[in-house]
């Protein structure tokens, strides 16, 4: 039996990471565009942190061939999600709510 065979779950996990990376890259480009033209700091380089953590988790899950239950993968996913959530909410508040308040005044 070949022990180096790749399961469908491993492939889907890694391909899913590439889709997530593409979406995060698009969000980063939007934040960069806004930062350049508004003159405000959006913190778009920090999007690399959750991207890297999601990558670590995807590789870890693919190596153990499980979708959950790996402590290192679970922690990396949790921290990546928390950091990504904070960055998204910060960017939303900066782009939408501050502009809306300026228009209302």
C-alpha atoms as a PDB file:
ATOM      1  CA  UNK A   1       0.000   0.000   0.000  1.00  0.00           C
ATOM      2  CA  UNK A   2       1.284   3.449  -0.909  1.00  0.00           C
ATOM      3  CA  UNK A   3       1.554   5.677   2.169  1.00  0.00           C
ATOM      4  CA  UNK A   4       2.155   8.848   0.165  1.00  0.00           C
ATOM      5  CA  UNK A   5      -1.242   8.891  -1.507  1.00  0.00           C
ATOM      6  CA  UNK A   6      -3.215  12.090  -1.161  1.00  0.00           C
ATOM      7  CA  UNK A   7      -6.830  11.879  -0.042  1.00  0.00           C
ATOM      8  CA  UNK A   8      -9.655  13.971  -1.403  1.00  0.00           C
ATOM      9  CA  UNK A   9      -9.994  15.709   1.964  1.00  0.00           C
ATOM     10  CA  UNK A  10      -6.381  16.838   1.864  1.00  0.00           C
ATOM     11  CA  UNK A  11      -6.795  18.254  -1.625  1.00  0.00           C
ATOM     12  CA  UNK A  12      -9.991  20.067  -0.721  1.00  0.00           C
ATOM     13  CA  UNK A  13      -8.361  21.529   2.379  1.00  0.00           C
ATOM     14  CA  UNK A  14      -5.444  22.919   0.401  1.00  0.00           C
ATOM     15  CA  UNK A  15      -7.606  24.167  -2.476  1.00  0.00           C
ATOM     16  CA  UNK A  16      -9.914  25.808   0.029  1.00  0.00           C
ATOM     17  CA  UNK A  17      -6.933  27.685   1.414  1.00  0.00           C
ATOM     18  CA  UNK A  18      -6.129  29.019  -2.065  1.00  0.00           C
ATOM     19  CA  UNK A  19      -9.700  30.323  -2.440  1.00  0.00           C
ATOM     20  CA  UNK A  20      -9.487  31.952   0.993  1.00  0.00           C
ATOM     21  CA  UNK A  21      -6.106  33.445   0.105  1.00  0.00           C
ATOM     22  CA  UNK A  22      -7.535  34.923  -3.101  1.00  0.00           C
ATOM     23  CA  UNK A  23     -10.443  36.530  -1.221  1.00  0.00           C
ATOM     24  CA  UNK A  24      -8.107  37.927   1.418  1.00  0.00           C
ATOM     25  CA  UNK A  25      -5.842  39.273  -1.321  1.00  0.00           C
ATOM     26  CA  UNK A  26      -8.799  41.075  -2.905  1.00  0.00           C
ATOM     27  CA  UNK A  27      -9.709  42.573   0.479  1.00  0.00           C
ATOM     28  CA  UNK A  28      -6.096  43.638   0.942  1.00  0.00           C
ATOM     29  CA  UNK A  29      -6.074  45.325  -2.446  1.00  0.00           C
ATOM     30  CA  UNK A  30      -9.281  47.182  -1.587  1.00  0.00           C
ATOM     31  CA  UNK A  31      -7.761  48.340   1.712  1.00  0.00           C
ATOM     32  CA  UNK A  32      -4.553  49.385  -0.056  1.00  0.00           C
ATOM     33  CA  UNK A  33      -6.502  51.324  -2.680  1.00  0.00           C
ATOM     34  CA  UNK A  34      -8.470  53.117   0.039  1.00  0.00           C
ATOM     35  CA  UNK A  35      -5.287  53.889   1.996  1.00  0.00           C
ATOM     36  CA  UNK A  36      -3.566  55.384  -1.037  1.00  0.00           C
ATOM     37  CA  UNK A  37      -6.410  57.650  -2.078  1.00  0.00           C
ATOM     38  CA  UNK A  38      -7.751  58.689   1.311  1.00  0.00           C
ATOM     39  CA  UNK A  39      -4.398  59.204   3.002  1.00  0.00           C
ATOM     40  CA  UNK A  40      -5.515  57.121   6.004  1.00  0.00           C
ATOM     41  CA  UNK A  41      -3.728  54.091   7.378  1.00  0.00           C
ATOM     42  CA  UNK A  42      -5.792  50.945   6.914  1.00  0.00           C
ATOM     43  CA  UNK A  43      -3.332  48.349   8.178  1.00  0.00           C
ATOM     44  CA  UNK A  44      -3.590  46.221   5.038  1.00  0.00           C
ATOM     45  CA  UNK A  45      -0.139  44.603   5.506  1.00  0.00           C
ATOM     46  CA  UNK A  46      -1.463  42.974   8.674  1.00  0.00           C
ATOM     47  CA  UNK A  47      -3.726  40.803   6.508  1.00  0.00           C
ATOM     48  CA  UNK A  48      -0.657  38.654   5.899  1.00  0.00           C
ATOM     49  CA  UNK A  49      -0.813  37.446   9.517  1.00  0.00           C
ATOM     50  CA  UNK A  50      -4.188  35.640   9.281  1.00  0.00           C
ATOM     51  CA  UNK A  51      -3.293  34.457   5.785  1.00  0.00           C
ATOM     52  CA  UNK A  52      -0.162  32.802   7.133  1.00  0.00           C
ATOM     53  CA  UNK A  53      -2.003  31.344  10.120  1.00  0.00           C
ATOM     54  CA  UNK A  54      -4.716  29.900   7.865  1.00  0.00           C
ATOM     55  CA  UNK A  55      -1.950  28.443   5.704  1.00  0.00           C
ATOM     56  CA  UNK A  56      -0.297  26.829   8.723  1.00  0.00           C
ATOM     57  CA  UNK A  57      -3.642  25.371   9.791  1.00  0.00           C
ATOM     58  CA  UNK A  58      -4.406  24.043   6.296  1.00  0.00           C
ATOM     59  CA  UNK A  59      -1.031  22.351   5.999  1.00  0.00           C
ATOM     60  CA  UNK A  60      -1.335  20.959   9.512  1.00  0.00           C
ATOM     61  CA  UNK A  61      -4.841  19.585   8.890  1.00  0.00           C
ATOM     62  CA  UNK A  62      -3.769  18.124   5.558  1.00  0.00           C
ATOM     63  CA  UNK A  63      -0.752  16.441   7.149  1.00  0.00           C
ATOM     64  CA  UNK A  64      -2.834  14.720   9.845  1.00  0.00           C
ATOM     65  CA  UNK A  65      -5.698  14.106   7.379  1.00  0.00           C
ATOM     66  CA  UNK A  66      -8.356  15.484   9.710  1.00  0.00           C
ATOM     67  CA  UNK A  67     -10.570  18.544   9.477  1.00  0.00           C
ATOM     68  CA  UNK A  68     -10.427  19.322  13.219  1.00  0.00           C
ATOM     69  CA  UNK A  69      -9.047  17.977  16.446  1.00  0.00           C
ATOM     70  CA  UNK A  70      -5.435  19.004  15.932  1.00  0.00           C
ATOM     71  CA  UNK A  71      -4.500  21.472  18.699  1.00  0.00           C
ATOM     72  CA  UNK A  72      -1.956  23.435  16.658  1.00  0.00           C
ATOM     73  CA  UNK A  73      -4.268  23.697  13.648  1.00  0.00           C
ATOM     74  CA  UNK A  74      -7.221  24.664  15.824  1.00  0.00           C
ATOM     75  CA  UNK A  75      -5.247  27.411  17.599  1.00  0.00           C
ATOM     76  CA  UNK A  76      -3.898  28.759  14.319  1.00  0.00           C
ATOM     77  CA  UNK A  77      -7.403  28.841  12.855  1.00  0.00           C
ATOM     78  CA  UNK A  78      -8.839  30.540  15.956  1.00  0.00           C
ATOM     79  CA  UNK A  79      -6.155  33.232  16.071  1.00  0.00           C
ATOM     80  CA  UNK A  80      -6.394  33.783  12.319  1.00  0.00           C
ATOM     81  CA  UNK A  81     -10.154  34.184  12.527  1.00  0.00           C
ATOM     82  CA  UNK A  82      -9.924  36.591  15.452  1.00  0.00           C
ATOM     83  CA  UNK A  83      -7.257  38.744  13.804  1.00  0.00           C
ATOM     84  CA  UNK A  84      -9.108  38.703  10.484  1.00  0.00           C
ATOM     85  CA  UNK A  85     -12.363  39.693  12.180  1.00  0.00           C
ATOM     86  CA  UNK A  86     -10.693  42.605  13.973  1.00  0.00           C
ATOM     87  CA  UNK A  87      -9.061  43.824  10.758  1.00  0.00           C
ATOM     88  CA  UNK A  88     -12.302  43.565   8.773  1.00  0.00           C
ATOM     89  CA  UNK A  89     -14.367  45.405  11.386  1.00  0.00           C
ATOM     90  CA  UNK A  90     -11.683  48.098  11.646  1.00  0.00           C
ATOM     91  CA  UNK A  91     -11.613  48.541   7.885  1.00  0.00           C
ATOM     92  CA  UNK A  92     -15.414  48.644   7.703  1.00  0.00           C
ATOM     93  CA  UNK A  93     -15.614  51.295  10.396  1.00  0.00           C
ATOM     94  CA  UNK A  94     -12.914  53.303   8.715  1.00  0.00           C
ATOM     95  CA  UNK A  95     -14.333  53.126   5.205  1.00  0.00           C
ATOM     96  CA  UNK A  96     -18.066  53.285   5.846  1.00  0.00           C
ATOM     97  CA  UNK A  97     -18.981  54.588   9.274  1.00  0.00           C
ATOM     98  CA  UNK A  98     -16.482  57.471   9.443  1.00  0.00           C
ATOM     99  CA  UNK A  99     -17.444  58.639   5.968  1.00  0.00           C
ATOM    100  CA  UNK A 100     -21.125  58.408   6.828  1.00  0.00           C
ATOM    101  CA  UNK A 101     -20.620  60.492   9.961  1.00  0.00           C
ATOM    102  CA  UNK A 102     -18.715  63.112   7.960  1.00  0.00           C
ATOM    103  CA  UNK A 103     -21.566  63.325   5.449  1.00  0.00           C
ATOM    104  CA  UNK A 104     -24.188  63.646   8.207  1.00  0.00           C
ATOM    105  CA  UNK A 105     -22.369  66.584   9.833  1.00  0.00           C
END
